[in-house]
Protein backbone atom coordinates (compact mmCIF):
# COMPACT_ATOMS: atom_id res chain seq x y z
CA MET A 1 -84.31 -59.46 -12.96
CA PRO A 2 -82.11 -61.60 -15.24
CA ILE A 3 -78.42 -61.76 -14.31
CA GLY A 4 -76.23 -62.39 -17.31
CA GLU A 5 -77.09 -65.83 -18.67
CA PHE A 6 -79.19 -66.68 -15.59
CA LYS A 7 -82.96 -66.31 -15.52
CA ASP A 8 -83.01 -64.69 -12.09
CA PHE A 9 -81.19 -64.38 -8.76
CA ASN A 10 -82.22 -67.84 -7.51
CA ALA A 11 -80.99 -69.51 -10.70
CA CYS A 12 -77.66 -67.75 -10.24
CA VAL A 13 -77.38 -68.97 -6.63
CA LEU A 14 -78.09 -72.56 -7.65
CA HIS A 15 -75.42 -72.37 -10.34
CA GLN A 16 -72.81 -70.96 -7.97
CA LYS A 17 -73.59 -73.64 -5.35
CA GLY A 18 -73.13 -76.20 -8.11
CA GLN A 19 -69.65 -74.75 -8.61
CA GLY A 20 -68.74 -75.66 -5.04
CA HIS A 21 -69.57 -72.37 -3.27
CA SER A 22 -71.40 -72.29 0.04
CA ASP A 23 -74.89 -70.79 0.14
CA GLU A 24 -73.51 -67.59 1.69
CA GLU A 25 -70.74 -67.27 -0.92
CA ALA A 26 -73.17 -67.99 -3.77
CA ARG A 27 -75.56 -65.26 -2.59
CA ARG A 28 -72.72 -62.79 -2.19
CA ILE A 29 -71.43 -63.47 -5.73
CA CYS A 30 -74.90 -63.26 -7.28
CA GLY A 31 -75.74 -60.14 -5.27
CA LYS A 32 -72.71 -58.37 -6.71
CA MET A 33 -73.59 -59.53 -10.23
CA GLU A 34 -77.15 -58.26 -9.79
CA ALA A 35 -75.93 -54.88 -8.49
CA ASP A 36 -73.50 -54.55 -11.41
CA ALA A 37 -76.29 -55.38 -13.88
CA LYS A 38 -78.62 -52.78 -12.36
CA ALA A 39 -75.88 -50.14 -12.37
CA ALA A 40 -75.15 -50.87 -16.03
CA MET A 41 -78.82 -50.50 -16.95
CA MET A 42 -79.41 -47.25 -15.06
CA GLY A 43 -77.68 -44.16 -16.35
CA GLU A 44 -77.49 -40.60 -15.06
CA LEU A 45 -80.58 -39.59 -17.02
CA ASP A 46 -82.94 -42.14 -15.46
CA GLY A 47 -85.35 -40.28 -13.19
CA ARG A 48 -84.02 -36.84 -14.24
CA TRP A 49 -86.39 -34.02 -15.23
CA MET A 50 -85.54 -31.99 -18.34
CA GLU A 51 -87.17 -29.03 -20.09
CA ILE A 52 -88.68 -30.00 -23.45
CA PHE A 53 -91.06 -27.15 -24.36
CA ARG A 54 -92.16 -23.66 -23.26
CA ALA A 55 -95.39 -21.71 -23.35
CA GLY A 56 -95.39 -19.06 -26.09
CA ALA A 57 -96.41 -18.09 -29.61
CA TYR A 58 -94.91 -20.09 -32.51
CA GLY A 59 -96.44 -18.47 -35.58
CA ASP A 60 -98.44 -20.87 -37.74
CA LYS A 61 -97.61 -23.68 -35.32
CA GLY A 62 -99.89 -22.15 -32.70
CA THR A 63 -99.81 -20.39 -29.35
CA TYR A 64 -99.50 -22.42 -26.15
CA SER A 65 -100.32 -21.09 -22.71
CA ARG A 66 -99.56 -22.39 -19.24
CA GLN A 67 -103.08 -23.83 -19.23
CA ASP A 68 -102.25 -25.80 -22.39
CA LEU A 69 -99.16 -27.20 -20.69
CA ASP A 70 -101.26 -28.19 -17.68
CA LYS A 71 -103.65 -30.04 -20.02
CA MET A 72 -100.73 -31.91 -21.57
CA VAL A 73 -99.55 -32.92 -18.09
CA ALA A 74 -103.03 -34.06 -17.08
CA ASN A 75 -103.55 -35.95 -20.38
CA TYR A 76 -100.27 -37.85 -20.21
CA ASP A 77 -100.68 -41.50 -19.22
CA ALA A 78 -97.69 -43.83 -19.72
CA GLU A 79 -100.02 -46.83 -19.63
CA PHE A 80 -102.08 -45.39 -22.51
CA HIS A 81 -99.18 -44.15 -24.68
CA GLN A 82 -95.63 -43.72 -23.38
CA ALA A 83 -93.68 -41.23 -25.49
CA PRO A 84 -90.28 -42.54 -26.64
CA LEU A 85 -86.95 -40.69 -26.81
CA VAL A 86 -85.90 -40.76 -30.47
CA ILE A 87 -83.34 -39.31 -32.87
CA GLY A 88 -84.93 -36.73 -35.16
CA HIS A 89 -88.62 -37.17 -35.95
CA PRO A 90 -89.05 -40.74 -37.26
CA GLN A 91 -92.54 -41.43 -38.57
CA SER A 92 -92.62 -44.80 -36.79
CA ASP A 93 -91.48 -43.32 -33.43
CA SER A 94 -88.65 -45.88 -33.41
CA PRO A 95 -86.05 -46.92 -32.50
CA ALA A 96 -86.63 -45.79 -28.93
CA TYR A 97 -83.52 -44.89 -26.90
CA GLY A 98 -85.50 -44.26 -23.72
CA TRP A 99 -88.97 -43.25 -22.53
CA VAL A 100 -90.85 -40.38 -20.90
CA ALA A 101 -92.12 -41.59 -17.53
CA ALA A 102 -94.09 -38.45 -16.60
CA LEU A 103 -94.67 -34.76 -17.39
CA ARG A 104 -94.92 -31.69 -15.16
CA ARG A 105 -95.10 -27.92 -15.57
CA ASN A 106 -92.49 -25.66 -13.98
CA GLY A 107 -93.46 -22.03 -14.61
CA ASP A 108 -93.60 -21.58 -18.39
CA ALA A 109 -91.64 -24.78 -19.04
CA LEU A 110 -92.94 -28.28 -19.72
CA GLU A 111 -90.62 -30.86 -18.17
CA ALA A 112 -90.31 -34.60 -18.87
CA GLN A 113 -88.90 -37.30 -16.60
CA ALA A 114 -86.58 -39.69 -18.47
CA ASP A 115 -86.72 -43.45 -17.90
CA GLN A 116 -84.78 -46.51 -19.17
CA VAL A 117 -82.32 -44.41 -21.19
CA GLU A 118 -79.83 -46.48 -23.21
CA GLY A 119 -76.29 -46.06 -21.87
CA GLY A 120 -74.77 -45.58 -25.32
CA PHE A 121 -77.34 -42.90 -26.24
CA GLU A 122 -76.63 -41.12 -22.96
CA ASP A 123 -72.92 -41.07 -23.84
CA LEU A 124 -73.76 -39.33 -27.12
CA LEU A 125 -75.76 -36.69 -25.22
CA LYS A 126 -72.81 -36.09 -22.87
CA ALA A 127 -70.50 -35.76 -25.89
CA GLY A 128 -72.69 -32.92 -27.18
CA ARG A 129 -73.89 -34.70 -30.32
CA PHE A 130 -77.44 -33.41 -29.77
CA LYS A 131 -77.70 -29.67 -29.09
CA THR A 132 -81.45 -29.37 -29.64
CA ARG A 133 -84.62 -31.09 -28.50
CA SER A 134 -87.97 -31.09 -30.24
CA VAL A 135 -91.41 -32.34 -29.21
CA ALA A 136 -93.96 -33.90 -31.54
CA LEU A 137 -97.55 -33.55 -30.34
CA TYR A 138 -100.82 -35.21 -31.25
CA ASN A 139 -103.59 -32.63 -31.53
CA ASP A 140 -106.04 -35.17 -30.14
CA LEU A 141 -105.02 -38.73 -29.29
CA GLY A 142 -107.89 -41.09 -28.47
CA GLY A 143 -110.11 -38.24 -27.33
CA LYS A 144 -107.58 -37.12 -24.72
CA GLY A 145 -106.71 -33.84 -26.46
CA LEU A 146 -103.21 -32.39 -26.85
CA TYR A 147 -100.77 -35.25 -26.16
CA LEU A 148 -97.00 -35.81 -26.30
CA ARG A 149 -96.13 -38.16 -29.18
CA HIS A 150 -92.34 -38.32 -28.80
CA LEU A 151 -89.30 -36.32 -27.72
CA GLY A 152 -86.76 -35.97 -30.51
CA PHE A 153 -83.05 -35.21 -30.06
CA LEU A 154 -81.47 -33.44 -33.03
CA GLY A 155 -77.96 -32.46 -33.98
CA ALA A 156 -78.18 -29.54 -36.39
CA GLN A 157 -81.65 -28.02 -36.43
CA PRO A 158 -81.94 -24.29 -35.52
CA PRO A 159 -83.79 -23.72 -32.23
CA GLU A 160 -87.23 -22.11 -32.09
CA VAL A 161 -87.83 -22.47 -28.35
CA LYS A 162 -85.20 -20.29 -26.69
CA GLY A 163 -83.68 -20.93 -23.29
CA LEU A 164 -84.31 -24.64 -22.71
CA LYS A 165 -81.96 -25.91 -20.04
CA SER A 166 -79.47 -28.50 -21.26
CA VAL A 167 -79.88 -32.09 -20.14
CA PHE A 168 -76.24 -32.04 -18.97
CA HIS A 169 -76.00 -28.31 -18.15
CA ASP A 170 -74.32 -27.35 -21.43
CA ALA A 171 -74.54 -23.57 -21.73
CA ASP A 172 -74.69 -23.81 -25.54
CA ALA A 173 -77.67 -26.18 -25.65
CA LYS A 174 -81.00 -24.96 -26.99
CA GLY A 175 -84.22 -26.58 -28.09
CA PHE A 176 -86.88 -26.12 -30.72
CA VAL A 177 -90.43 -27.29 -31.28
CA GLU A 178 -92.06 -29.48 -33.92
CA ILE A 179 -95.83 -29.34 -33.43
CA GLU A 180 -97.30 -32.09 -35.56
CA GLU A 181 -100.07 -34.63 -35.64
CA GLU A 182 -99.33 -37.30 -38.23
CA GLN A 183 -96.65 -35.93 -40.56
CA MET A 184 -92.94 -35.50 -39.90
CA GLU A 185 -91.54 -31.98 -40.17
CA ILE A 186 -87.77 -31.49 -40.72
CA GLY A 187 -86.00 -28.30 -39.65
CA ASP A 188 -83.36 -26.42 -41.65
CA ILE A 189 -80.08 -28.32 -41.27
CA LYS A 190 -77.76 -25.60 -42.55
CA LYS A 191 -74.43 -27.27 -43.05
CA ALA A 192 -75.72 -30.65 -44.15
CA PHE A 193 -78.28 -29.00 -46.43
CA SER A 194 -75.58 -26.92 -48.14
CA GLU A 195 -73.41 -29.99 -48.71
CA ALA A 196 -76.38 -31.90 -50.13
CA LEU A 197 -77.14 -29.10 -52.63
CA GLU A 198 -73.50 -29.01 -53.78
CA ALA A 199 -73.53 -32.78 -54.24
CA VAL A 200 -76.38 -32.53 -56.77
CA GLY A 201 -74.91 -29.45 -58.49
CA LEU A 202 -77.29 -26.91 -57.00
CA GLY A 203 -74.96 -25.22 -54.54
CA LYS A 204 -72.31 -22.53 -54.82
CA LYS A 205 -68.89 -23.65 -56.09
CA LYS A 206 -65.60 -22.04 -55.13
CA ASP A 207 -64.42 -19.02 -57.17
CA GLU A 208 -67.70 -18.83 -59.04
CA VAL A 209 -70.42 -16.21 -58.93
CA PRO A 210 -73.57 -18.21 -58.29
CA PRO A 211 -76.42 -17.57 -60.71
CA VAL A 212 -79.70 -16.36 -59.35
CA LYS A 213 -81.80 -19.48 -58.88
CA THR A 214 -85.03 -20.27 -57.15
CA PHE A 215 -85.24 -23.78 -55.73
CA SER A 216 -88.47 -25.65 -55.97
CA GLU A 217 -90.11 -26.91 -52.79
CA ALA A 218 -89.51 -30.49 -53.96
CA GLU A 219 -85.75 -29.85 -54.38
CA VAL A 220 -85.45 -28.27 -50.95
CA THR A 221 -87.46 -31.03 -49.27
CA LYS A 222 -85.45 -33.83 -50.91
CA ALA A 223 -82.04 -32.29 -50.16
CA THR A 224 -82.97 -31.61 -46.55
CA ALA A 225 -84.42 -35.10 -46.03
CA ASP A 226 -81.31 -36.73 -47.56
CA ALA A 227 -79.03 -34.74 -45.26
CA ALA A 228 -81.11 -35.58 -42.19
CA ALA A 229 -81.15 -39.29 -43.08
CA ALA A 230 -77.35 -39.35 -43.52
CA GLU A 231 -76.80 -37.67 -40.15
CA ARG A 232 -79.22 -40.05 -38.43
CA ALA A 233 -77.53 -43.10 -40.00
CA LYS A 234 -74.12 -41.86 -38.84
CA ILE A 235 -75.30 -41.37 -35.26
CA GLU A 236 -77.10 -44.73 -35.13
CA LYS A 237 -73.92 -46.45 -36.37
CA GLU A 238 -71.89 -44.80 -33.60
CA PHE A 239 -74.52 -45.84 -31.06
CA ALA A 240 -74.38 -49.48 -32.25
CA GLU A 241 -70.57 -49.48 -32.00
CA LYS A 242 -70.72 -48.13 -28.45
CA GLN A 243 -73.23 -50.82 -27.49
CA ALA A 244 -71.00 -53.55 -28.95
CA THR A 245 -67.99 -52.21 -27.04
CA ALA A 246 -69.96 -52.08 -23.78
CA GLN A 247 -71.19 -55.65 -24.25
CA ALA A 248 -67.66 -56.87 -24.97
CA ARG A 249 -66.36 -55.18 -21.81
CA ALA A 250 -69.16 -56.68 -19.73
CA GLY A 251 -68.38 -60.13 -21.16
CA ARG A 252 -64.66 -59.79 -20.35
CA ALA A 253 -65.43 -58.62 -16.79
CA LYS A 254 -67.68 -61.67 -16.26
CA GLU A 255 -65.01 -63.99 -17.67
CA VAL A 256 -62.36 -62.53 -15.35
CA ARG A 257 -64.60 -62.92 -12.28
CA GLU A 258 -65.28 -66.57 -13.11
CA PHE A 259 -61.57 -67.23 -13.72
CA ILE A 260 -60.65 -65.72 -10.34
CA GLU A 261 -63.23 -67.93 -8.63
CA THR A 262 -61.37 -71.01 -10.01
CA LEU A 263 -58.09 -69.76 -8.51
CA LYS A 264 -59.38 -69.14 -4.98
CA PRO A 265 -59.93 -72.79 -3.94
CA LYS A 266 -56.36 -73.57 -5.06
CA GLY A 267 -54.90 -70.71 -3.02
CA GLN A 268 -53.63 -68.93 -6.12
CA TRP A 269 -55.57 -65.71 -5.54
CA ILE A 270 -55.32 -63.43 -2.51
CA PRO A 271 -56.87 -60.02 -1.71
CA ALA A 272 -53.56 -58.33 -2.56
CA PHE A 273 -54.24 -59.19 -6.23
CA ALA A 274 -57.47 -57.13 -6.27
CA LYS A 275 -56.09 -54.39 -8.53
CA LEU A 276 -54.94 -57.03 -11.00
CA GLN A 277 -58.61 -57.90 -11.67
CA ALA A 278 -59.26 -54.43 -13.12
CA VAL A 279 -56.10 -54.68 -15.24
CA MET A 280 -57.14 -58.06 -16.67
CA GLU A 281 -60.54 -56.66 -17.68
CA THR A 282 -58.80 -54.12 -19.96
CA LEU A 283 -56.01 -56.27 -21.46
CA PRO A 284 -56.16 -56.89 -25.25
CA GLY A 285 -57.43 -60.30 -26.31
CA GLU A 286 -55.64 -60.38 -29.67
CA GLN A 287 -52.72 -62.81 -30.01
CA ASN A 288 -50.00 -60.27 -30.75
CA LEU A 289 -47.15 -61.47 -28.49
CA GLU A 290 -44.67 -64.15 -29.63
CA PHE A 291 -42.76 -66.50 -27.33
CA GLY A 292 -40.14 -69.20 -27.98
CA GLU A 293 -38.24 -70.06 -31.13
CA GLY A 294 -38.63 -72.41 -34.08
CA GLU A 295 -41.24 -75.12 -33.58
CA ASN A 296 -41.81 -73.96 -30.00
CA LYS A 297 -42.79 -70.45 -31.09
CA LYS A 298 -46.37 -69.52 -30.20
CA LYS A 299 -48.52 -66.43 -30.13
CA GLN A 300 -50.50 -65.30 -27.09
CA SER A 301 -52.51 -62.25 -26.13
CA PRO A 302 -51.54 -60.16 -23.07
CA TYR A 303 -54.72 -61.44 -21.41
CA GLU A 304 -53.76 -65.10 -21.98
CA VAL A 305 -50.23 -64.46 -20.68
CA VAL A 306 -51.54 -63.12 -17.36
CA LYS A 307 -54.01 -66.01 -17.01
CA GLU A 308 -51.28 -68.58 -17.68
CA PHE A 309 -49.01 -66.88 -15.14
CA LEU A 310 -51.66 -66.95 -12.40
CA GLU A 311 -52.51 -70.60 -13.10
CA SER A 312 -48.83 -71.53 -12.77
CA LEU A 313 -48.47 -69.97 -9.30
CA PRO A 314 -47.99 -72.28 -6.31
CA LYS A 315 -50.41 -71.95 -3.42
CA VAL A 316 -49.91 -68.52 -1.89
CA ILE A 317 -49.20 -68.55 1.89
CA THR A 318 -51.98 -66.74 3.74
CA PHE A 319 -51.74 -64.79 6.97
CA ALA A 320 -53.91 -67.38 8.65
CA GLU A 321 -51.32 -70.09 7.90
CA LEU A 322 -48.45 -67.92 9.16
CA ALA A 323 -50.33 -67.26 12.38
CA GLY A 324 -50.91 -71.00 12.81
CA ASP A 325 -47.19 -71.82 12.28
CA ARG A 326 -46.15 -69.17 14.83
CA LYS A 327 -48.57 -70.58 17.41
CA SER A 328 -47.13 -74.07 16.89
CA ALA A 329 -43.59 -72.77 17.27
CA ASP A 330 -44.42 -70.91 20.48
CA SER A 331 -45.89 -74.01 22.03
């Protein structure tokens, strides 16, 4: 797998050896970088099974038995079509924030195994931004029969499938079903829908007795779609911000590790400074500290101040050197 800016592990080792490290040291450094990269890519949801649908009767959307769930499990082939994890029910099935690796039936419940879930999206799930889950199904995909199209995570739709277990064991979490083939169906988003109606002058205003009015299907569809699009845009913006923050933190951590490696050959870094590494990774990088007066005044960030301090240190006496001096004195 790629490690940072390196193509693979061997490329990383060659680079580290070019920096003056022995083969053993280079492999140790690259091994840690590889482990950190894998840990960053794999979240708590990877490999976890979650309930996404239950056998039962859903009115005009159909009735689904345990045998139907078994057929869905048998039909599912990630090599043929791997269902993505999405927000809402996008017609293009994108962007994908993860994938369904496999399906299985557990009693009346259909369960999906998550794979390659984006860390930022997983954080939103933990924060409770998505209280419902909804499946979209193909009635017949490529002659395979009933087939999972995608698994949608939604924030305000009322649940139709009762009792789905939460991904993160949230007692308030529910799920609902969207059985569809080609068209997107949008649930009733109560709060957002009400706000959208008020915005176009169709809703109830304060201290007024609302007139009796019947909304056309076109008005209801447009207001609901607008509200759903606004909510989706808000969540995708938050997700992008979380990704940018995570990337910035990873970049700072890498920069700190490389800086420390330049101090070690000069004897300016010892194991006792280990906790300082974590502190440096979190220090602000903005130049908001002023030093000196007049023409000598300059601005530095807390991070730059600590780096300058470490670079100015004399060689730190190690225990090995003290032991050598004592042996010489005894002789």
